[in-house]
Amino acid sequence: GQRVYMRISPQREQPAVLESLKRLIAGHGGPLPVVLYYERTQKSLGLSDQYKVKPSPELFARIEELLGKESVKVK
């Protein structure tokens, strides 16, 4: 199945950014699991089912505001 991958660059690995990201995800509930990829450690973290999302251009634009350009994709 498809998943939404969000790339966290080292300079964005901050509690405030991750807190905003969580709130954003929680406000866009849907069918797809979310996987966070941390560039610094090159580790992927699958989020629990309470953080599944419904992809939308609006959501992806907001994520890119938080995490930077091309930080989110569905695959």
N, C-alpha and C. Protein backbone atom coordinates (compact mmCIF):
# COMPACT_ATOMS: atom_id res chain seq x y z
N GLY A 1 0.81 -1.21 0.00
CA GLY A 1 0.00 0.00 0.00
C GLY A 1 0.85 1.26 0.00
N GLN A 2 0.22 2.37 -0.28
CA GLN A 2 0.95 3.63 -0.33
C GLN A 2 1.20 4.18 1.06
N ARG A 3 2.26 4.95 1.16
CA ARG A 3 2.57 5.65 2.40
C ARG A 3 2.99 7.07 2.08
N VAL A 4 2.88 7.92 3.09
CA VAL A 4 3.35 9.29 2.94
C VAL A 4 4.69 9.41 3.68
N TYR A 5 5.72 9.73 2.91
CA TYR A 5 7.07 9.88 3.48
C TYR A 5 7.38 11.35 3.71
N MET A 6 7.86 11.66 4.90
CA MET A 6 8.24 13.04 5.23
C MET A 6 9.70 13.04 5.66
N ARG A 7 10.49 13.84 4.97
CA ARG A 7 11.92 13.88 5.25
C ARG A 7 12.24 14.99 6.23
N ILE A 8 12.92 14.63 7.31
CA ILE A 8 13.28 15.60 8.34
C ILE A 8 14.78 15.89 8.21
N SER A 9 15.12 17.09 7.77
CA SER A 9 16.54 17.44 7.65
C SER A 9 17.09 17.78 9.03
N PRO A 10 18.42 17.67 9.22
CA PRO A 10 19.00 17.90 10.55
C PRO A 10 18.61 19.24 11.16
N GLN A 11 18.58 20.31 10.34
CA GLN A 11 18.28 21.63 10.90
C GLN A 11 16.80 21.77 11.29
N ARG A 12 15.96 20.83 10.84
CA ARG A 12 14.54 20.91 11.21
C ARG A 12 14.17 19.91 12.29
N GLU A 13 15.15 19.21 12.79
CA GLU A 13 14.89 18.20 13.81
C GLU A 13 14.80 18.87 15.16
N GLN A 14 13.71 19.63 15.36
CA GLN A 14 13.54 20.39 16.59
C GLN A 14 12.16 20.09 17.16
N PRO A 15 12.06 20.08 18.48
CA PRO A 15 10.77 19.77 19.11
C PRO A 15 9.63 20.64 18.58
N ALA A 16 9.88 21.93 18.39
CA ALA A 16 8.80 22.83 17.95
C ALA A 16 8.31 22.46 16.55
N VAL A 17 9.25 22.11 15.67
CA VAL A 17 8.89 21.73 14.29
C VAL A 17 8.11 20.43 14.30
N LEU A 18 8.59 19.46 15.07
CA LEU A 18 7.93 18.15 15.10
C LEU A 18 6.55 18.25 15.75
N GLU A 19 6.42 19.13 16.72
CA GLU A 19 5.13 19.37 17.37
C GLU A 19 4.13 19.96 16.36
N SER A 20 4.58 20.94 15.58
CA SER A 20 3.72 21.53 14.54
C SER A 20 3.34 20.49 13.51
N LEU A 21 4.30 19.66 13.15
CA LEU A 21 4.05 18.61 12.16
C LEU A 21 2.98 17.65 12.66
N LYS A 22 3.09 17.26 13.92
CA LYS A 22 2.11 16.35 14.51
C LYS A 22 0.72 16.95 14.48
N ARG A 23 0.65 18.23 14.86
CA ARG A 23 -0.67 18.89 14.87
C ARG A 23 -1.26 18.94 13.47
N LEU A 24 -0.40 19.23 12.50
CA LEU A 24 -0.82 19.31 11.11
C LEU A 24 -1.36 17.96 10.64
N ILE A 25 -0.60 16.90 10.94
CA ILE A 25 -1.01 15.55 10.55
C ILE A 25 -2.33 15.18 11.21
N ALA A 26 -2.45 15.50 12.50
CA ALA A 26 -3.66 15.15 13.24
C ALA A 26 -4.89 15.83 12.64
N GLY A 27 -4.70 17.01 12.05
CA GLY A 27 -5.82 17.74 11.46
C GLY A 27 -6.20 17.27 10.07
N HIS A 28 -5.44 16.32 9.52
CA HIS A 28 -5.72 15.82 8.17
C HIS A 28 -5.81 14.30 8.16
N GLY A 29 -6.61 13.76 9.08
CA GLY A 29 -6.74 12.32 9.19
C GLY A 29 -7.22 11.68 7.90
N GLY A 30 -6.72 10.49 7.62
CA GLY A 30 -7.11 9.77 6.41
C GLY A 30 -6.57 8.36 6.39
N PRO A 31 -6.47 7.78 5.20
CA PRO A 31 -6.15 6.35 5.10
C PRO A 31 -4.66 5.98 5.06
N LEU A 32 -3.78 6.93 4.78
CA LEU A 32 -2.39 6.55 4.50
C LEU A 32 -1.46 6.67 5.70
N PRO A 33 -0.67 5.62 5.97
CA PRO A 33 0.31 5.68 7.05
C PRO A 33 1.40 6.71 6.74
N VAL A 34 1.97 7.27 7.79
CA VAL A 34 3.04 8.26 7.65
C VAL A 34 4.37 7.65 8.11
N VAL A 35 5.40 7.88 7.31
CA VAL A 35 6.74 7.45 7.68
C VAL A 35 7.64 8.69 7.72
N LEU A 36 8.31 8.90 8.85
CA LEU A 36 9.26 10.00 8.95
C LEU A 36 10.66 9.47 8.67
N TYR A 37 11.37 10.16 7.81
CA TYR A 37 12.75 9.77 7.53
C TYR A 37 13.68 10.85 8.05
N TYR A 38 14.55 10.47 8.99
CA TYR A 38 15.49 11.41 9.58
C TYR A 38 16.81 11.35 8.82
N GLU A 39 17.15 12.46 8.14
CA GLU A 39 18.37 12.47 7.33
C GLU A 39 19.63 12.30 8.18
N ARG A 40 19.62 12.89 9.37
CA ARG A 40 20.83 12.89 10.18
C ARG A 40 21.25 11.46 10.54
N THR A 41 20.28 10.64 10.92
CA THR A 41 20.59 9.27 11.33
C THR A 41 20.27 8.26 10.24
N GLN A 42 19.63 8.73 9.16
CA GLN A 42 19.18 7.87 8.06
C GLN A 42 18.27 6.75 8.55
N LYS A 43 17.43 7.10 9.52
CA LYS A 43 16.47 6.13 10.04
C LYS A 43 15.05 6.53 9.67
N SER A 44 14.24 5.53 9.38
CA SER A 44 12.83 5.76 9.11
C SER A 44 12.00 5.35 10.32
N LEU A 45 10.98 6.14 10.59
CA LEU A 45 10.11 5.88 11.73
C LEU A 45 8.67 5.88 11.25
N GLY A 46 8.01 4.73 11.34
CA GLY A 46 6.60 4.67 10.98
C GLY A 46 5.76 5.18 12.14
N LEU A 47 4.89 6.12 11.86
CA LEU A 47 4.04 6.66 12.93
C LEU A 47 2.86 5.73 13.19
N SER A 48 2.30 5.81 14.38
CA SER A 48 1.18 4.94 14.73
C SER A 48 -0.07 5.31 13.93
N ASP A 49 -1.05 4.43 13.97
CA ASP A 49 -2.25 4.60 13.16
C ASP A 49 -3.02 5.88 13.46
N GLN A 50 -2.80 6.46 14.64
CA GLN A 50 -3.54 7.69 14.94
C GLN A 50 -3.01 8.85 14.08
N TYR A 51 -1.87 8.64 13.42
CA TYR A 51 -1.31 9.70 12.58
C TYR A 51 -1.41 9.40 11.08
N LYS A 52 -2.39 8.61 10.70
CA LYS A 52 -2.59 8.40 9.26
C LYS A 52 -3.17 9.67 8.64
N VAL A 53 -2.84 9.92 7.37
CA VAL A 53 -3.28 11.16 6.73
C VAL A 53 -4.00 10.94 5.42
N LYS A 54 -4.72 11.99 5.05
CA LYS A 54 -5.31 12.09 3.72
C LYS A 54 -4.47 13.11 2.96
N PRO A 55 -3.73 12.64 1.93
CA PRO A 55 -2.88 13.57 1.19
C PRO A 55 -3.72 14.62 0.47
N SER A 56 -3.23 15.84 0.43
CA SER A 56 -3.89 16.88 -0.35
C SER A 56 -2.83 17.93 -0.68
N PRO A 57 -3.04 18.69 -1.76
CA PRO A 57 -2.07 19.74 -2.09
C PRO A 57 -1.89 20.72 -0.95
N GLU A 58 -2.98 21.02 -0.24
CA GLU A 58 -2.91 21.97 0.87
C GLU A 58 -2.02 21.42 1.99
N LEU A 59 -2.26 20.14 2.34
CA LEU A 59 -1.46 19.51 3.39
C LEU A 59 0.02 19.50 2.99
N PHE A 60 0.30 19.11 1.75
CA PHE A 60 1.69 19.00 1.32
C PHE A 60 2.37 20.37 1.28
N ALA A 61 1.63 21.40 0.92
CA ALA A 61 2.19 22.76 0.94
C ALA A 61 2.55 23.16 2.37
N ARG A 62 1.69 22.83 3.31
CA ARG A 62 1.95 23.18 4.71
C ARG A 62 3.16 22.41 5.25
N ILE A 63 3.25 21.13 4.86
CA ILE A 63 4.40 20.32 5.29
C ILE A 63 5.70 20.90 4.73
N GLU A 64 5.66 21.33 3.46
CA GLU A 64 6.87 21.91 2.85
C GLU A 64 7.24 23.22 3.53
N GLU A 65 6.24 23.95 4.00
CA GLU A 65 6.55 25.17 4.77
C GLU A 65 7.33 24.82 6.04
N LEU A 66 6.94 23.72 6.66
CA LEU A 66 7.60 23.29 7.90
C LEU A 66 8.94 22.63 7.64
N LEU A 67 8.97 21.73 6.66
CA LEU A 67 10.12 20.84 6.50
C LEU A 67 11.01 21.19 5.31
N GLY A 68 10.54 22.10 4.45
CA GLY A 68 11.35 22.48 3.30
C GLY A 68 10.83 21.86 2.01
N LYS A 69 11.32 22.38 0.90
CA LYS A 69 10.87 21.92 -0.42
C LYS A 69 11.13 20.44 -0.62
N GLU A 70 10.18 19.79 -1.29
CA GLU A 70 10.32 18.38 -1.66
C GLU A 70 10.61 17.48 -0.47
N SER A 71 10.03 17.84 0.67
CA SER A 71 10.25 17.05 1.89
C SER A 71 9.18 15.98 2.07
N VAL A 72 8.18 15.97 1.18
CA VAL A 72 7.07 15.03 1.37
C VAL A 72 6.73 14.35 0.05
N LYS A 73 6.51 13.04 0.12
CA LYS A 73 6.03 12.34 -1.09
C LYS A 73 5.23 11.12 -0.72
N VAL A 74 4.39 10.70 -1.67
CA VAL A 74 3.59 9.50 -1.51
C VAL A 74 4.22 8.43 -2.37
N LYS A 75 4.49 7.27 -1.78
CA LYS A 75 4.96 6.17 -2.63
C LYS A 75 4.62 4.81 -2.03
